[in-house]
Amino acid sequence: MKRNRKGLIGIESDRGYLRLRFPPQFFKRYLYLNLPDSPQNRAIAQKLAEEKNQEIQQAQIESLNF
């Protein structure tokens, strides 16, 4: 499994299905995608993970604005 940078959402396969793994500071650790593990579905999961990472980074930037 490829390791992501610390604090970012990763993709995992659990019993043949894909899920997103969230950083420890989140209450919900996993988001099950209900997609079988295949190259096409991994591309979909990667796109979702990138979108969520951007949302997290944007929220962190906005929280710094006083």
PDB file of N, CA and C in Angstrom:
ATOM      1  N   MET A   1       0.846  -1.175   0.000  1.00  0.00           N
ATOM      2  CA  MET A   1       0.000   0.000   0.000  1.00  0.00           C
ATOM      3  C   MET A   1       0.891   1.237   0.000  1.00  0.00           C
ATOM      4  N   LYS A   2       0.554   2.202  -0.859  1.00  0.00           N
ATOM      5  CA  LYS A   2       1.307   3.440  -0.954  1.00  0.00           C
ATOM      6  C   LYS A   2       0.948   4.344   0.217  1.00  0.00           C
ATOM      7  N   ARG A   3       1.963   4.911   0.868  1.00  0.00           N
ATOM      8  CA  ARG A   3       1.750   5.780   2.033  1.00  0.00           C
ATOM      9  C   ARG A   3       1.516   7.217   1.556  1.00  0.00           C
ATOM     10  N   ASN A   4       0.542   7.863   2.164  1.00  0.00           N
ATOM     11  CA  ASN A   4       0.282   9.273   1.883  1.00  0.00           C
ATOM     12  C   ASN A   4       1.024  10.133   2.882  1.00  0.00           C
ATOM     13  N   ARG A   5       1.109  11.415   2.565  1.00  0.00           N
ATOM     14  CA  ARG A   5       1.702  12.347   3.507  1.00  0.00           C
ATOM     15  C   ARG A   5       0.880  12.356   4.781  1.00  0.00           C
ATOM     16  N   LYS A   6       1.548  12.653   5.880  1.00  0.00           N
ATOM     17  CA  LYS A   6       0.872  12.663   7.177  1.00  0.00           C
ATOM     18  C   LYS A   6      -0.276  13.669   7.180  1.00  0.00           C
ATOM     19  N   GLY A   7      -1.418  13.230   7.689  1.00  0.00           N
ATOM     20  CA  GLY A   7      -2.553  14.105   7.826  1.00  0.00           C
ATOM     21  C   GLY A   7      -3.492  14.147   6.643  1.00  0.00           C
ATOM     22  N   LEU A   8      -3.202  13.401   5.588  1.00  0.00           N
ATOM     23  CA  LEU A   8      -4.065  13.427   4.423  1.00  0.00           C
ATOM     24  C   LEU A   8      -4.871  12.141   4.306  1.00  0.00           C
ATOM     25  N   ILE A   9      -5.933  12.210   3.545  1.00  0.00           N
ATOM     26  CA  ILE A   9      -6.823  11.068   3.344  1.00  0.00           C
ATOM     27  C   ILE A   9      -6.149  10.055   2.422  1.00  0.00           C
ATOM     28  N   GLY A  10      -6.262   8.786   2.789  1.00  0.00           N
ATOM     29  CA  GLY A  10      -5.687   7.717   1.993  1.00  0.00           C
ATOM     30  C   GLY A  10      -6.761   6.769   1.495  1.00  0.00           C
ATOM     31  N   ILE A  11      -6.363   5.885   0.595  1.00  0.00           N
ATOM     32  CA  ILE A  11      -7.264   4.886   0.032  1.00  0.00           C
ATOM     33  C   ILE A  11      -6.804   3.524   0.502  1.00  0.00           C
ATOM     34  N   GLU A  12      -7.749   2.709   0.953  1.00  0.00           N
ATOM     35  CA  GLU A  12      -7.448   1.349   1.403  1.00  0.00           C
ATOM     36  C   GLU A  12      -8.447   0.379   0.794  1.00  0.00           C
ATOM     37  N   SER A  13      -8.035  -0.875   0.750  1.00  0.00           N
ATOM     38  CA  SER A  13      -8.928  -1.946   0.344  1.00  0.00           C
ATOM     39  C   SER A  13      -9.225  -2.797   1.566  1.00  0.00           C
ATOM     40  N   ASP A  14     -10.510  -3.003   1.832  1.00  0.00           N
ATOM     41  CA  ASP A  14     -10.938  -3.818   2.960  1.00  0.00           C
ATOM     42  C   ASP A  14     -11.891  -4.886   2.436  1.00  0.00           C
ATOM     43  N   ARG A  15     -11.466  -6.131   2.501  1.00  0.00           N
ATOM     44  CA  ARG A  15     -12.264  -7.263   2.020  1.00  0.00           C
ATOM     45  C   ARG A  15     -12.697  -7.094   0.571  1.00  0.00           C
ATOM     46  N   GLY A  16     -11.823  -6.520  -0.236  1.00  0.00           N
ATOM     47  CA  GLY A  16     -12.092  -6.375  -1.658  1.00  0.00           C
ATOM     48  C   GLY A  16     -12.864  -5.127  -2.042  1.00  0.00           C
ATOM     49  N   TYR A  17     -13.176  -4.269  -1.072  1.00  0.00           N
ATOM     50  CA  TYR A  17     -13.892  -3.023  -1.347  1.00  0.00           C
ATOM     51  C   TYR A  17     -13.054  -1.839  -0.890  1.00  0.00           C
ATOM     52  N   LEU A  18     -13.223  -0.728  -1.589  1.00  0.00           N
ATOM     53  CA  LEU A  18     -12.418   0.456  -1.300  1.00  0.00           C
ATOM     54  C   LEU A  18     -13.051   1.306  -0.207  1.00  0.00           C
ATOM     55  N   ARG A  19     -12.170   1.971   0.553  1.00  0.00           N
ATOM     56  CA  ARG A  19     -12.608   2.913   1.572  1.00  0.00           C
ATOM     57  C   ARG A  19     -11.579   4.030   1.654  1.00  0.00           C
ATOM     58  N   LEU A  20     -12.028   5.190   2.123  1.00  0.00           N
ATOM     59  CA  LEU A  20     -11.135   6.310   2.382  1.00  0.00           C
ATOM     60  C   LEU A  20     -10.778   6.297   3.854  1.00  0.00           C
ATOM     61  N   ARG A  21      -9.500   6.490   4.148  1.00  0.00           N
ATOM     62  CA  ARG A  21      -9.022   6.527   5.536  1.00  0.00           C
ATOM     63  C   ARG A  21      -8.704   7.983   5.881  1.00  0.00           C
ATOM     64  N   PHE A  22      -9.364   8.482   6.931  1.00  0.00           N
ATOM     65  CA  PHE A  22      -9.188   9.868   7.354  1.00  0.00           C
ATOM     66  C   PHE A  22      -8.099   9.962   8.415  1.00  0.00           C
ATOM     67  N   PRO A  23      -7.495  11.144   8.563  1.00  0.00           N
ATOM     68  CA  PRO A  23      -6.480  11.352   9.599  1.00  0.00           C
ATOM     69  C   PRO A  23      -7.067  11.143  10.996  1.00  0.00           C
ATOM     70  N   PRO A  24      -6.222  10.882  11.989  1.00  0.00           N
ATOM     71  CA  PRO A  24      -6.696  10.580  13.348  1.00  0.00           C
ATOM     72  C   PRO A  24      -7.529  11.679  14.002  1.00  0.00           C
ATOM     73  N   GLN A  25      -7.361  12.935  13.613  1.00  0.00           N
ATOM     74  CA  GLN A  25      -8.110  14.010  14.273  1.00  0.00           C
ATOM     75  C   GLN A  25      -9.591  14.013  13.895  1.00  0.00           C
ATOM     76  N   PHE A  26      -9.988  13.209  12.931  1.00  0.00           N
ATOM     77  CA  PHE A  26     -11.390  13.129  12.533  1.00  0.00           C
ATOM     78  C   PHE A  26     -12.117  12.079  13.356  1.00  0.00           C
ATOM     79  N   PHE A  27     -13.379  12.379  13.682  1.00  0.00           N
ATOM     80  CA  PHE A  27     -14.188  11.450  14.468  1.00  0.00           C
ATOM     81  C   PHE A  27     -14.437  10.164  13.680  1.00  0.00           C
ATOM     82  N   LYS A  28     -14.762  10.300  12.413  1.00  0.00           N
ATOM     83  CA  LYS A  28     -15.012   9.139  11.564  1.00  0.00           C
ATOM     84  C   LYS A  28     -13.705   8.774  10.864  1.00  0.00           C
ATOM     85  N   ARG A  29     -13.196   7.588  11.101  1.00  0.00           N
ATOM     86  CA  ARG A  29     -11.897   7.183  10.546  1.00  0.00           C
ATOM     87  C   ARG A  29     -11.985   6.693   9.106  1.00  0.00           C
ATOM     88  N   TYR A  30     -13.102   6.076   8.724  1.00  0.00           N
ATOM     89  CA  TYR A  30     -13.210   5.480   7.392  1.00  0.00           C
ATOM     90  C   TYR A  30     -14.510   5.883   6.723  1.00  0.00           C
ATOM     91  N   LEU A  31     -14.460   6.013   5.412  1.00  0.00           N
ATOM     92  CA  LEU A  31     -15.644   6.206   4.605  1.00  0.00           C
ATOM     93  C   LEU A  31     -15.643   5.085   3.575  1.00  0.00           C
ATOM     94  N   TYR A  32     -16.561   4.145   3.742  1.00  0.00           N
ATOM     95  CA  TYR A  32     -16.647   3.015   2.824  1.00  0.00           C
ATOM     96  C   TYR A  32     -17.332   3.465   1.545  1.00  0.00           C
ATOM     97  N   LEU A  33     -16.707   3.187   0.407  1.00  0.00           N
ATOM     98  CA  LEU A  33     -17.207   3.648  -0.880  1.00  0.00           C
ATOM     99  C   LEU A  33     -18.118   2.635  -1.556  1.00  0.00           C
ATOM    100  N   ASN A  34     -18.142   1.411  -1.068  1.00  0.00           N
ATOM    101  CA  ASN A  34     -18.971   0.347  -1.636  1.00  0.00           C
ATOM    102  C   ASN A  34     -18.631   0.106  -3.107  1.00  0.00           C
ATOM    103  N   LEU A  35     -17.345   0.273  -3.437  1.00  0.00           N
ATOM    104  CA  LEU A  35     -16.845   0.004  -4.783  1.00  0.00           C
ATOM    105  C   LEU A  35     -15.845  -1.143  -4.714  1.00  0.00           C
ATOM    106  N   PRO A  36     -15.977  -2.141  -5.580  1.00  0.00           N
ATOM    107  CA  PRO A  36     -14.976  -3.204  -5.609  1.00  0.00           C
ATOM    108  C   PRO A  36     -13.602  -2.637  -5.964  1.00  0.00           C
ATOM    109  N   ASP A  37     -12.560  -3.267  -5.458  1.00  0.00           N
ATOM    110  CA  ASP A  37     -11.191  -2.822  -5.712  1.00  0.00           C
ATOM    111  C   ASP A  37     -10.795  -3.191  -7.139  1.00  0.00           C
ATOM    112  N   SER A  38     -10.765  -2.186  -8.012  1.00  0.00           N
ATOM    113  CA  SER A  38     -10.347  -2.363  -9.403  1.00  0.00           C
ATOM    114  C   SER A  38      -9.622  -1.087  -9.823  1.00  0.00           C
ATOM    115  N   PRO A  39      -8.843  -1.149 -10.896  1.00  0.00           N
ATOM    116  CA  PRO A  39      -8.128   0.068 -11.328  1.00  0.00           C
ATOM    117  C   PRO A  39      -9.067   1.245 -11.631  1.00  0.00           C
ATOM    118  N   GLN A  40     -10.207   0.979 -12.245  1.00  0.00           N
ATOM    119  CA  GLN A  40     -11.151   2.048 -12.564  1.00  0.00           C
ATOM    120  C   GLN A  40     -11.721   2.655 -11.284  1.00  0.00           C
ATOM    121  N   ASN A  41     -12.091   1.811 -10.329  1.00  0.00           N
ATOM    122  CA  ASN A  41     -12.657   2.310  -9.076  1.00  0.00           C
ATOM    123  C   ASN A  41     -11.608   2.993  -8.215  1.00  0.00           C
ATOM    124  N   ARG A  42     -10.347   2.551  -8.300  1.00  0.00           N
ATOM    125  CA  ARG A  42      -9.274   3.239  -7.563  1.00  0.00           C
ATOM    126  C   ARG A  42      -9.092   4.658  -8.089  1.00  0.00           C
ATOM    127  N   ALA A  43      -9.256   4.837  -9.397  1.00  0.00           N
ATOM    128  CA  ALA A  43      -9.163   6.183  -9.973  1.00  0.00           C
ATOM    129  C   ALA A  43     -10.277   7.068  -9.425  1.00  0.00           C
ATOM    130  N   ILE A  44     -11.483   6.521  -9.300  1.00  0.00           N
ATOM    131  CA  ILE A  44     -12.605   7.262  -8.725  1.00  0.00           C
ATOM    132  C   ILE A  44     -12.306   7.612  -7.267  1.00  0.00           C
ATOM    133  N   ALA A  45     -11.809   6.636  -6.510  1.00  0.00           N
ATOM    134  CA  ALA A  45     -11.496   6.851  -5.096  1.00  0.00           C
ATOM    135  C   ALA A  45     -10.387   7.892  -4.946  1.00  0.00           C
ATOM    136  N   GLN A  46      -9.402   7.862  -5.829  1.00  0.00           N
ATOM    137  CA  GLN A  46      -8.308   8.832  -5.770  1.00  0.00           C
ATOM    138  C   GLN A  46      -8.837  10.238  -5.994  1.00  0.00           C
ATOM    139  N   LYS A  47      -9.754  10.384  -6.939  1.00  0.00           N
ATOM    140  CA  LYS A  47     -10.333  11.693  -7.214  1.00  0.00           C
ATOM    141  C   LYS A  47     -11.124  12.189  -5.999  1.00  0.00           C
ATOM    142  N   LEU A  48     -11.899  11.318  -5.377  1.00  0.00           N
ATOM    143  CA  LEU A  48     -12.635  11.685  -4.168  1.00  0.00           C
ATOM    144  C   LEU A  48     -11.695  12.093  -3.041  1.00  0.00           C
ATOM    145  N   ALA A  49     -10.613  11.332  -2.858  1.00  0.00           N
ATOM    146  CA  ALA A  49      -9.644  11.631  -1.803  1.00  0.00           C
ATOM    147  C   ALA A  49      -9.003  12.996  -2.043  1.00  0.00           C
ATOM    148  N   GLU A  50      -8.659  13.296  -3.287  1.00  0.00           N
ATOM    149  CA  GLU A  50      -8.055  14.588  -3.603  1.00  0.00           C
ATOM    150  C   GLU A  50      -9.021  15.731  -3.317  1.00  0.00           C
ATOM    151  N   GLU A  51     -10.306  15.538  -3.660  1.00  0.00           N
ATOM    152  CA  GLU A  51     -11.305  16.568  -3.386  1.00  0.00           C
ATOM    153  C   GLU A  51     -11.447  16.807  -1.885  1.00  0.00           C
ATOM    154  N   LYS A  52     -11.497  15.735  -1.106  1.00  0.00           N
ATOM    155  CA  LYS A  52     -11.637  15.859   0.340  1.00  0.00           C
ATOM    156  C   LYS A  52     -10.399  16.507   0.951  1.00  0.00           C
ATOM    157  N   ASN A  53      -9.213  16.163   0.441  1.00  0.00           N
ATOM    158  CA  ASN A  53      -7.981  16.784   0.930  1.00  0.00           C
ATOM    159  C   ASN A  53      -7.997  18.289   0.675  1.00  0.00           C
ATOM    160  N   GLN A  54      -8.480  18.695  -0.490  1.00  0.00           N
ATOM    161  CA  GLN A  54      -8.567  20.128  -0.797  1.00  0.00           C
ATOM    162  C   GLN A  54      -9.550  20.819   0.137  1.00  0.00           C
ATOM    163  N   GLU A  55     -10.680  20.161   0.429  1.00  0.00           N
ATOM    164  CA  GLU A  55     -11.658  20.735   1.357  1.00  0.00           C
ATOM    165  C   GLU A  55     -11.055  20.917   2.748  1.00  0.00           C
ATOM    166  N   ILE A  56     -10.294  19.922   3.198  1.00  0.00           N
ATOM    167  CA  ILE A  56      -9.663  20.002   4.521  1.00  0.00           C
ATOM    168  C   ILE A  56      -8.647  21.137   4.553  1.00  0.00           C
ATOM    169  N   GLN A  57      -7.815  21.228   3.522  1.00  0.00           N
ATOM    170  CA  GLN A  57      -6.801  22.278   3.478  1.00  0.00           C
ATOM    171  C   GLN A  57      -7.444  23.659   3.402  1.00  0.00           C
ATOM    172  N   GLN A  58      -8.537  23.788   2.645  1.00  0.00           N
ATOM    173  CA  GLN A  58      -9.235  25.060   2.548  1.00  0.00           C
ATOM    174  C   GLN A  58      -9.824  25.455   3.901  1.00  0.00           C
ATOM    175  N   ALA A  59     -10.404  24.492   4.622  1.00  0.00           N
ATOM    176  CA  ALA A  59     -10.978  24.778   5.933  1.00  0.00           C
ATOM    177  C   ALA A  59      -9.891  25.214   6.908  1.00  0.00           C
ATOM    178  N   GLN A  60      -8.701  24.596   6.830  1.00  0.00           N
ATOM    179  CA  GLN A  60      -7.605  24.991   7.704  1.00  0.00           C
ATOM    180  C   GLN A  60      -7.142  26.396   7.403  1.00  0.00           C
ATOM    181  N   ILE A  61      -7.093  26.747   6.139  1.00  0.00           N
ATOM    182  CA  ILE A  61      -6.679  28.105   5.753  1.00  0.00           C
ATOM    183  C   ILE A  61      -7.707  29.118   6.232  1.00  0.00           C
ATOM    184  N   GLU A  62      -8.995  28.805   6.059  1.00  0.00           N
ATOM    185  CA  GLU A  62     -10.049  29.719   6.489  1.00  0.00           C
ATOM    186  C   GLU A  62     -10.058  29.897   8.000  1.00  0.00           C
ATOM    187  N   SER A  63      -9.696  28.854   8.743  1.00  0.00           N
ATOM    188  CA  SER A  63      -9.685  28.968  10.201  1.00  0.00           C
ATOM    189  C   SER A  63      -8.538  29.845  10.690  1.00  0.00           C
ATOM    190  N   LEU A  64      -7.530  30.059   9.857  1.00  0.00           N
ATOM    191  CA  LEU A  64      -6.415  30.928  10.234  1.00  0.00           C
ATOM    192  C   LEU A  64      -6.752  32.404  10.049  1.00  0.00           C
ATOM    193  N   ASN A  65      -7.771  32.681   9.227  1.00  0.00           N
ATOM    194  CA  ASN A  65      -8.177  34.083   9.008  1.00  0.00           C
ATOM    195  C   ASN A  65      -8.966  34.567  10.221  1.00  0.00           C
ATOM    196  N   PHE A  66      -8.429  35.528  10.911  1.00  0.00           N
ATOM    197  CA  PHE A  66      -9.090  36.024  12.120  1.00  0.00           C
ATOM    198  C   PHE A  66     -10.018  37.133  11.720  1.00  0.00           C
TER     199      PHE A  66
END
